[in-house]
Protein backbone atom coordinates (compact mmCIF):
# COMPACT_ATOMS: atom_id res chain seq x y z
CA MET A 1 19.75 35.37 64.09
CA THR A 2 21.52 37.70 62.79
CA VAL A 3 22.58 37.92 59.14
CA GLU A 4 26.29 39.11 58.22
CA GLY A 5 26.49 41.62 55.26
CA PRO A 6 28.13 44.84 54.59
CA SER A 7 27.36 47.80 56.75
CA ILE A 8 25.10 50.28 55.28
CA ASP A 9 26.36 53.38 53.21
CA CYS A 10 23.64 56.01 53.79
CA THR A 11 26.23 58.75 52.23
CA ARG A 12 25.19 56.69 48.51
CA PRO A 13 21.85 56.13 47.71
CA SER A 14 20.05 52.64 47.68
CA ILE A 15 17.65 51.85 45.01
CA ALA A 16 15.39 49.57 47.95
CA ARG A 17 15.22 52.70 49.62
CA VAL A 18 14.39 55.07 47.53
CA TYR A 19 11.77 53.38 46.29
CA ASP A 20 10.79 52.82 50.41
CA TYR A 21 10.46 56.73 50.40
CA LEU A 22 8.23 56.81 47.45
CA LEU A 23 6.20 54.02 49.20
CA GLY A 24 6.46 56.80 52.43
CA GLY A 25 8.35 55.02 54.26
CA LYS A 26 11.01 55.83 56.79
CA ASP A 27 13.68 53.34 56.31
CA ASN A 28 15.81 56.45 54.13
CA TYR A 29 18.69 58.53 54.39
CA ALA A 30 18.65 62.31 52.86
CA VAL A 31 21.13 60.55 49.80
CA ASP A 32 18.14 58.44 49.20
CA ARG A 33 15.17 61.72 50.23
CA GLU A 34 17.07 64.00 47.38
CA VAL A 35 16.95 61.07 44.48
CA GLY A 36 13.70 60.64 45.12
CA ASP A 37 12.74 64.06 45.34
CA VAL A 38 14.16 64.02 41.54
CA PHE A 39 10.84 61.87 40.99
CA LEU A 40 8.32 64.18 42.93
CA ARG A 41 9.66 67.52 41.56
CA ASP A 42 10.27 67.21 37.90
CA LEU A 43 8.46 64.36 37.16
CA PRO A 44 4.96 65.12 39.09
CA GLY A 45 2.91 61.84 39.14
CA SER A 46 5.63 58.83 38.97
CA VAL A 47 5.08 57.89 42.30
CA ALA A 48 1.51 56.32 41.17
CA ILE A 49 4.27 54.20 39.88
CA ALA A 50 5.54 52.62 43.12
CA PHE A 51 1.75 52.03 44.29
CA ALA A 52 0.75 50.67 41.14
CA ASN A 53 3.56 47.17 41.85
CA ARG A 54 2.86 47.06 45.04
CA ALA A 55 -0.84 46.56 44.22
CA ALA A 56 -0.51 43.74 41.36
CA LEU A 57 1.99 42.28 43.09
CA THR A 58 -0.19 41.81 46.42
CA ARG A 59 -2.85 40.66 43.68
CA ALA A 60 -0.51 38.54 42.08
CA ILE A 61 0.54 36.86 45.79
CA LYS A 62 -3.66 36.13 46.56
CA GLU A 63 -4.40 34.91 43.14
CA ILE A 64 -1.96 32.13 43.17
CA VAL A 65 -2.29 30.97 47.10
CA THR A 66 -5.87 30.85 46.56
CA THR A 67 -5.83 29.43 43.02
CA THR A 68 -2.75 27.28 43.35
CA ALA A 69 -1.93 24.62 45.32
CA ILE A 70 1.27 26.59 45.25
CA ARG A 71 2.76 27.20 49.21
CA GLN A 72 6.23 28.71 48.46
CA PHE A 73 7.50 31.23 47.41
CA ILE A 74 10.94 33.11 46.21
CA ASP A 75 11.08 36.55 46.20
CA LEU A 76 13.87 37.45 44.14
CA GLY A 77 14.96 41.51 44.91
CA SER A 78 12.25 41.91 47.63
CA GLY A 79 13.57 45.21 48.73
CA LEU A 80 12.27 47.00 52.21
CA PRO A 81 9.47 45.55 53.75
CA THR A 82 6.23 47.71 53.70
CA ALA A 83 2.58 46.34 54.37
CA ASP A 84 1.05 43.55 52.51
CA ASN A 85 4.55 41.59 52.12
CA VAL A 86 4.89 38.87 50.11
CA HIS A 87 4.66 36.40 53.38
CA GLN A 88 2.36 38.44 54.61
CA VAL A 89 -0.54 38.27 52.51
CA ALA A 90 0.67 34.42 51.44
CA GLN A 91 0.08 33.53 54.81
CA ARG A 92 -3.23 35.62 55.45
CA HIS A 93 -4.53 32.68 53.20
CA ALA A 94 -2.48 29.66 53.28
CA PRO A 95 -0.59 29.68 56.88
CA GLU A 96 1.35 27.30 55.98
CA SER A 97 2.65 28.75 52.92
CA ARG A 98 7.11 29.15 53.09
CA ILE A 99 8.67 33.03 51.66
CA VAL A 100 12.06 33.28 50.91
CA TYR A 101 13.48 37.00 50.45
CA VAL A 102 16.45 37.36 48.62
CA ASP A 103 18.18 40.66 48.24
CA ASN A 104 21.60 42.37 48.05
CA ASP A 105 20.76 45.48 49.89
CA PRO A 106 22.39 45.81 53.45
CA GLN A 107 19.71 47.74 55.19
CA VAL A 108 16.83 44.85 53.71
CA LEU A 109 19.09 42.08 55.25
CA VAL A 110 19.48 44.15 58.46
CA HIS A 111 15.17 44.44 58.55
CA GLY A 112 15.42 40.78 57.39
CA CYS A 113 16.52 39.35 60.51
CA ALA A 114 12.98 40.86 62.29
CA LEU A 115 11.26 38.70 59.50
CA LEU A 116 13.17 35.72 60.67
CA GLU A 117 12.58 36.61 64.21
CA GLN A 118 8.67 36.68 63.85
CA ASN A 119 8.07 34.14 61.45
CA ASP A 120 9.80 30.43 61.16
CA ARG A 121 8.75 29.90 57.92
CA THR A 122 10.23 32.97 56.13
CA ARG A 123 13.78 33.38 55.49
CA VAL A 124 16.25 35.98 54.28
CA VAL A 125 18.97 35.31 52.12
CA ARG A 126 21.90 37.55 50.87
CA ALA A 127 22.48 37.05 47.39
CA ASP A 128 22.62 38.89 43.66
CA VAL A 129 19.68 37.98 41.83
CA ARG A 130 21.95 37.63 38.83
CA ALA A 131 23.58 34.68 40.44
CA PRO A 132 20.88 32.41 40.50
CA GLU A 133 22.66 29.45 41.72
CA ASP A 134 24.19 31.57 44.73
CA VAL A 135 20.63 31.56 45.81
CA ARG A 136 19.13 28.18 44.84
CA THR A 137 21.85 26.56 46.52
CA HIS A 138 21.56 28.54 49.56
CA PRO A 139 21.56 26.45 53.07
CA ASP A 140 18.46 28.87 53.89
CA THR A 141 16.92 28.35 50.42
CA ARG A 142 17.50 24.62 50.58
CA GLU A 143 15.60 23.98 54.38
CA LEU A 144 12.79 25.47 53.20
CA ILE A 145 12.09 26.01 49.62
CA ASP A 146 11.21 21.49 48.16
CA PHE A 147 12.01 22.28 44.24
CA ASP A 148 10.40 19.21 43.70
CA ARG A 149 7.08 20.72 44.74
CA PRO A 150 5.44 23.86 41.96
CA VAL A 151 7.58 27.18 43.68
CA ALA A 152 5.78 31.20 42.34
CA VAL A 153 9.53 32.64 41.64
CA ILE A 154 8.69 36.87 42.23
CA LEU A 155 10.10 39.15 40.19
CA SER A 156 8.67 42.28 40.70
CA ALA A 157 10.37 45.97 39.94
CA VAL A 158 13.61 43.89 39.82
CA LEU A 159 14.54 42.79 35.86
CA HIS A 160 14.22 46.24 35.18
CA HIS A 161 18.03 47.40 37.49
CA VAL A 162 19.08 44.60 35.37
CA ASN A 163 21.23 45.63 32.27
CA ASP A 164 20.71 43.38 28.70
CA GLU A 165 24.55 42.78 29.13
CA GLU A 166 23.83 40.96 32.32
CA ASP A 167 21.44 38.94 30.79
CA PRO A 168 18.04 39.06 32.22
CA ALA A 169 15.89 36.74 30.14
CA GLY A 170 19.16 34.21 31.64
CA ILE A 171 18.02 34.43 35.34
CA VAL A 172 14.48 33.98 34.47
CA ARG A 173 15.48 30.89 31.96
CA TYR A 174 17.28 29.98 35.00
CA TRP A 175 14.77 29.65 37.62
CA ARG A 176 12.12 28.05 34.31
CA ASP A 177 14.94 25.09 34.35
CA HIS A 178 15.25 24.49 37.66
CA VAL A 179 11.72 24.68 39.04
CA PRO A 180 8.94 21.80 38.18
CA SER A 181 5.90 21.45 36.10
CA GLY A 182 3.00 23.78 37.70
CA SER A 183 5.60 26.87 39.08
CA HIS A 184 4.12 30.68 38.97
CA PHE A 185 6.72 33.58 37.61
CA PHE A 186 5.11 37.22 38.84
CA VAL A 187 7.47 39.56 36.90
CA SER A 188 6.66 43.62 36.83
CA HIS A 189 8.28 45.94 34.63
CA PHE A 190 9.10 49.43 33.36
CA ARG A 191 8.00 49.76 30.39
CA SER A 192 9.28 52.11 27.39
CA GLY A 193 6.62 54.78 26.90
CA HIS A 194 8.79 56.30 24.32
CA ASN A 195 7.34 59.88 26.39
CA PRO A 196 9.76 62.37 27.64
CA GLU A 197 8.45 61.11 31.28
CA THR A 198 10.06 57.25 30.10
CA ALA A 199 13.61 58.79 28.85
CA GLU A 200 13.81 61.23 31.83
CA ALA A 201 12.85 58.30 34.25
CA GLU A 202 15.39 56.03 33.14
CA ARG A 203 18.25 59.15 33.00
CA VAL A 204 17.48 59.55 36.55
CA LEU A 205 18.70 55.82 37.29
CA GLN A 206 20.26 55.52 34.94
CA GLN A 207 23.25 58.99 36.30
CA THR A 208 22.22 57.91 39.65
CA PHE A 209 22.52 53.90 40.14
CA GLY A 210 24.09 52.88 36.64
CA ARG A 211 21.27 50.75 35.96
CA GLY A 212 17.67 50.99 35.21
CA ARG A 213 16.84 49.23 31.55
CA TRP A 214 12.92 50.69 30.41
CA ARG A 215 12.30 47.85 27.56
CA THR A 216 9.03 47.17 25.28
CA ASP A 217 6.38 44.92 26.04
CA GLU A 218 7.79 42.69 23.37
CA GLU A 219 10.61 42.44 25.22
CA ILE A 220 9.23 41.82 28.31
CA ALA A 221 7.03 38.84 27.15
CA SER A 222 10.48 37.64 25.51
CA LEU A 223 12.01 37.18 29.16
CA LEU A 224 9.39 34.79 29.62
CA ASP A 225 10.06 32.48 27.18
CA GLY A 226 9.02 29.06 27.86
CA LEU A 227 6.39 29.42 29.86
CA GLU A 228 2.60 29.75 29.47
CA ILE A 229 1.87 33.65 29.99
CA LEU A 230 -1.17 33.76 31.93
CA ASP A 231 -4.46 36.06 30.56
CA PRO A 232 -4.82 39.16 30.59
CA GLY A 233 -1.13 38.95 29.68
CA ILE A 234 1.42 41.46 30.22
CA VAL A 235 -0.37 44.72 30.48
CA PRO A 236 0.09 47.64 32.72
CA ALA A 237 -0.11 47.13 36.68
CA PRO A 238 -2.96 48.44 37.76
CA LEU A 239 -5.24 46.36 34.70
CA TRP A 240 -3.59 43.32 35.96
CA ARG A 241 -6.72 41.34 37.11
CA PRO A 242 -7.77 44.21 39.46
CA ASP A 243 -9.99 44.63 42.33
CA THR A 244 -13.01 45.84 40.65
CA THR A 245 -15.40 46.67 43.47
CA GLY A 246 -11.99 49.50 44.16
CA ASN A 247 -13.80 53.50 43.99
CA ARG A 248 -11.68 53.46 40.98
CA TRP A 249 -13.92 51.06 38.75
CA SER A 250 -17.48 51.88 38.12
CA ALA A 251 -20.13 49.62 38.98
CA ASP A 252 -20.16 48.15 35.24
CA GLY A 253 -16.48 46.85 35.54
CA ALA A 254 -15.60 50.00 32.95
CA GLN A 255 -11.44 49.83 33.33
CA PRO A 256 -10.41 53.84 34.45
CA GLU A 257 -8.49 55.79 32.26
CA LEU A 258 -4.67 55.28 33.17
CA SER A 259 -2.19 58.29 33.86
CA VAL A 260 1.21 57.99 31.96
CA TRP A 261 2.84 56.63 35.10
CA GLN A 262 0.03 54.10 35.08
CA HIS A 263 0.91 52.55 31.85
CA LEU A 264 4.44 53.00 32.50
CA ILE A 265 5.24 50.07 34.98
CA VAL A 266 3.67 46.68 33.52
CA ALA A 267 2.76 43.50 35.25
CA GLY A 268 2.34 39.80 33.93
CA LEU A 269 1.94 36.11 35.41
CA ALA A 270 3.15 33.22 33.53
CA ARG A 271 3.04 29.24 34.36
CA LYS A 272 5.58 26.80 33.66
CA ALA A 273 3.68 23.24 31.87
């Protein structure tokens, strides 16, 4: 099966491909590496944001599958496939899990074809996360997702690419209003640090892509209005339900000291009552 969409423009940087580059992937071009190198060269340590976010997402999917009856996921702004994608983590613990990935990046769609061929419980939908009605009513979404049963809505590192005038809270509100009680929402988001690192990273994204909005903890929590934010709340991603058996944690479970960069990506899980 093929996914029709615009051709890949390798002369303009892509958010998905820059993120892929920072994670050590190979699905990127010189123009993406040029942007990524600004972070690597001028903002040393910033790559920790990408890895902290990916690790928190992995833990969140495992948490949802192993502690709830949710077996269907909508991953909004999914980006390029890496290790431990949502369907891999979910189906590792519950093989019957169904996943709809949503993105409008042409290269993401190309890789989606491979997912479709390999897994009949996975779909990749070409749509803009800012148009949630298009996502929900898409034939592939309707085929795979039963909206009469709880759904996990994944908004991993996507809402900070939605500017204020594009109503990021409205995106979350739409999904909150169209999924049943018991549904879960995972959100990770760049966090305002009120320091030079935050300002420079935000400037690079705005200058390159014309978007990128860091928000305070209070602003991020307000995106989840009407939902119950579960413990431990909105916290730096490495501190969101961490695996305390890892080498970065002491034997008594004491928290590690985080770098300034690790403080700049927060994560949270919420539930619709």
